[in-house]
Amino acid sequence: MTRCTTFLASAALLCLTACGDSGSASNEPSPSPQPETHGGAPEPAISPEDAQVILAEMGEPYLSASVDNGRRLFRRCASCHTLGDGDRHLVGPNLNAMFGRVAGSAEGYRYSRALEEAGFEWSAAELDQWLANPRTYLPGNRMSFAGLRNEADRNDLIAFLAVETRR
């Protein structure tokens, strides 16, 4: 093998090794504590009727929002956030039961000082402003997401989160 080929093979092996589960001594897959997801967005956890009750409580614009589009939009969020009760935090906190929770208070997650000291509770209105542009809404937070400029998409995502996290 030439030096270049050896280097490339070593680099590829290193990359593959880095993707593996270093915490497991066996080659058997460990059971997943999370429900199977498709493209990062969980399948619906409640009935359509129960979802409508949640959205009716929220009123417009969420009552007429597309939860399915919100599920698709959440795929962007799923690389950093989980939704299920008991799911672990990723780069961002688990969002389960976020509505009504004080910002920066999810147990076990290390927030930026700005978010810990923000002092507001998550509501649809707060989340709408946050999702439009997190950096300008709360300077000093660590969320790298640039924002979701389209208001209808934000409404859809908020409706999905309200339903999925069982507000």
Protein backbone atom coordinates (compact mmCIF):
# COMPACT_ATOMS: atom_id res chain seq x y z
CA MET A 1 0.00 0.00 0.00
CA THR A 2 1.17 3.49 -0.71
CA ARG A 3 1.45 6.06 2.05
CA CYS A 4 -1.59 7.92 0.72
CA THR A 5 -3.72 4.77 0.63
CA THR A 6 -2.61 3.80 4.14
CA PHE A 7 -3.43 7.30 5.40
CA LEU A 8 -6.88 7.27 3.78
CA ALA A 9 -7.67 3.80 5.12
CA SER A 10 -6.57 4.84 8.61
CA ALA A 11 -8.64 8.02 8.44
CA ALA A 12 -11.72 6.07 7.33
CA LEU A 13 -11.22 3.54 10.14
CA LEU A 14 -10.86 6.35 12.66
CA CYS A 15 -14.09 7.97 11.44
CA LEU A 16 -15.99 4.70 11.64
CA THR A 17 -14.64 4.01 15.11
CA ALA A 18 -15.71 7.47 16.28
CA CYS A 19 -19.28 6.73 15.17
CA GLY A 20 -19.47 3.53 17.22
CA ASP A 21 -20.79 3.06 20.75
CA SER A 22 -17.67 3.12 22.90
CA GLY A 23 -19.66 2.42 26.08
CA SER A 24 -20.67 -1.11 25.13
CA ALA A 25 -18.38 -4.10 25.50
CA SER A 26 -20.40 -6.33 23.18
CA ASN A 27 -21.21 -5.98 19.52
CA GLU A 28 -24.92 -6.52 20.15
CA PRO A 29 -27.12 -3.47 19.70
CA SER A 30 -28.33 -2.00 22.96
CA PRO A 31 -32.09 -1.57 23.36
CA SER A 32 -33.32 1.90 22.53
CA PRO A 33 -35.13 3.67 25.37
CA GLN A 34 -36.88 5.96 22.89
CA PRO A 35 -39.71 5.09 20.53
CA GLU A 36 -38.73 4.62 16.92
CA THR A 37 -38.72 7.83 14.96
CA HIS A 38 -38.92 8.53 11.27
CA GLY A 39 -36.60 11.29 10.13
CA GLY A 40 -36.17 12.61 13.66
CA ALA A 41 -39.81 13.39 14.38
CA PRO A 42 -41.79 11.00 16.58
CA GLU A 43 -44.99 9.41 15.44
CA PRO A 44 -48.18 10.81 17.00
CA ALA A 45 -48.52 9.74 20.63
CA ILE A 46 -52.17 10.73 21.18
CA SER A 47 -55.40 10.41 19.27
CA PRO A 48 -56.45 13.07 16.75
CA GLU A 49 -59.44 13.85 18.99
CA ASP A 50 -57.21 14.52 21.99
CA ALA A 51 -54.92 16.62 19.81
CA GLN A 52 -57.91 18.74 18.77
CA VAL A 53 -58.83 19.30 22.42
CA ILE A 54 -55.31 20.58 23.15
CA LEU A 55 -55.34 22.86 20.11
CA ALA A 56 -58.84 24.13 20.90
CA GLU A 57 -57.62 25.17 24.35
CA MET A 58 -54.84 27.14 22.65
CA GLY A 59 -57.19 28.77 20.15
CA GLU A 60 -56.14 30.38 16.90
CA PRO A 61 -53.79 30.30 15.11
CA TYR A 62 -52.92 26.88 16.57
CA LEU A 63 -56.38 25.37 16.16
CA SER A 64 -56.05 25.67 12.38
CA ALA A 65 -52.32 24.87 12.27
CA SER A 66 -50.96 21.77 10.55
CA VAL A 67 -49.60 19.39 13.18
CA ASP A 68 -48.28 17.17 10.36
CA ASN A 69 -46.24 20.06 8.94
CA GLY A 70 -45.06 20.82 12.47
CA ARG A 71 -43.90 17.20 12.76
CA ARG A 72 -41.92 17.59 9.52
CA LEU A 73 -40.44 20.88 10.72
CA PHE A 74 -39.39 19.27 14.00
CA ARG A 75 -36.96 17.06 12.08
CA ARG A 76 -34.59 20.05 12.11
CA CYS A 77 -34.94 20.28 15.88
CA ALA A 78 -34.54 16.55 16.56
CA SER A 79 -30.77 16.63 16.17
CA CYS A 80 -30.64 18.71 19.37
CA HIS A 81 -33.93 18.09 21.23
CA THR A 82 -35.97 15.12 22.42
CA LEU A 83 -39.67 15.17 23.31
CA GLY A 84 -40.58 12.06 25.26
CA ASP A 85 -41.09 11.82 29.00
CA GLY A 86 -37.79 10.59 30.42
CA ASP A 87 -35.83 11.06 27.18
CA ARG A 88 -32.30 12.31 27.72
CA HIS A 89 -31.09 15.78 26.91
CA LEU A 90 -29.03 16.14 23.74
CA VAL A 91 -27.24 19.33 22.67
CA GLY A 92 -30.46 21.08 23.70
CA PRO A 93 -32.84 20.15 26.51
CA ASN A 94 -35.65 17.63 26.37
CA LEU A 95 -38.81 19.58 25.54
CA ASN A 96 -41.34 17.29 27.23
CA ALA A 97 -43.92 19.24 29.26
CA MET A 98 -42.27 22.52 28.28
CA PHE A 99 -45.44 24.62 28.15
CA GLY A 100 -45.86 26.30 31.52
CA ARG A 101 -42.32 25.44 32.60
CA VAL A 102 -39.96 28.24 33.61
CA ALA A 103 -37.35 28.80 30.90
CA GLY A 104 -33.96 27.37 31.80
CA SER A 105 -35.30 24.92 34.37
CA ALA A 106 -35.35 21.43 32.79
CA GLU A 107 -33.74 19.21 35.40
CA GLY A 108 -30.28 17.95 34.50
CA TYR A 109 -29.64 20.34 31.62
CA ARG A 110 -26.94 23.02 31.81
CA TYR A 111 -28.36 26.23 30.35
CA SER A 112 -26.69 29.49 29.46
CA ARG A 113 -26.77 32.12 32.18
CA ALA A 114 -29.06 34.23 29.97
CA LEU A 115 -31.70 31.50 29.85
CA GLU A 116 -31.35 30.59 33.53
CA GLU A 117 -32.01 34.22 34.44
CA ALA A 118 -34.69 34.90 31.80
CA GLY A 119 -37.56 34.46 34.27
CA PHE A 120 -40.38 33.66 31.84
CA GLU A 121 -42.59 30.60 31.43
CA TRP A 122 -42.81 28.86 28.09
CA SER A 123 -46.11 29.63 26.39
CA ALA A 124 -47.14 29.55 22.75
CA ALA A 125 -46.55 33.32 22.53
CA GLU A 126 -43.07 33.13 24.11
CA LEU A 127 -42.13 30.16 21.94
CA ASP A 128 -43.32 31.97 18.82
CA GLN A 129 -41.02 34.90 19.55
CA TRP A 130 -38.16 32.57 20.48
CA LEU A 131 -38.48 30.49 17.31
CA ALA A 132 -38.56 33.59 15.10
CA ASN A 133 -34.98 34.41 16.15
CA PRO A 134 -33.58 32.97 19.39
CA ARG A 135 -30.44 35.12 19.31
CA THR A 136 -32.26 38.45 19.18
CA TYR A 137 -35.09 37.34 21.48
CA LEU A 138 -32.67 36.43 24.27
CA PRO A 139 -29.09 37.59 23.66
CA GLY A 140 -26.52 35.35 25.29
CA ASN A 141 -28.37 32.06 24.86
CA ARG A 142 -26.43 29.17 23.31
CA MET A 143 -29.02 27.95 20.81
CA SER A 144 -27.36 27.99 17.39
CA PHE A 145 -30.64 27.85 15.44
CA ALA A 146 -31.00 30.95 13.24
CA GLY A 147 -34.78 31.07 13.54
CA LEU A 148 -37.91 30.12 11.67
CA ARG A 149 -39.01 33.22 9.79
CA ASN A 150 -42.29 31.92 8.36
CA GLU A 151 -45.11 32.61 10.84
CA ALA A 152 -47.32 29.76 9.57
CA ASP A 153 -44.43 27.31 10.00
CA ARG A 154 -43.87 28.55 13.56
CA ASN A 155 -47.59 28.07 14.30
CA ASP A 156 -47.42 24.53 12.89
CA LEU A 157 -44.32 23.69 14.93
CA ILE A 158 -45.80 25.11 18.13
CA ALA A 159 -49.04 23.16 17.57
CA PHE A 160 -47.03 19.97 17.04
CA LEU A 161 -44.98 20.59 20.20
CA ALA A 162 -48.11 21.29 22.25
CA VAL A 163 -49.69 18.03 21.08
CA GLU A 164 -46.55 15.90 21.23
CA THR A 165 -45.44 17.07 24.66
CA ARG A 166 -49.00 16.80 26.02
CA ARG A 167 -49.31 20.38 27.15
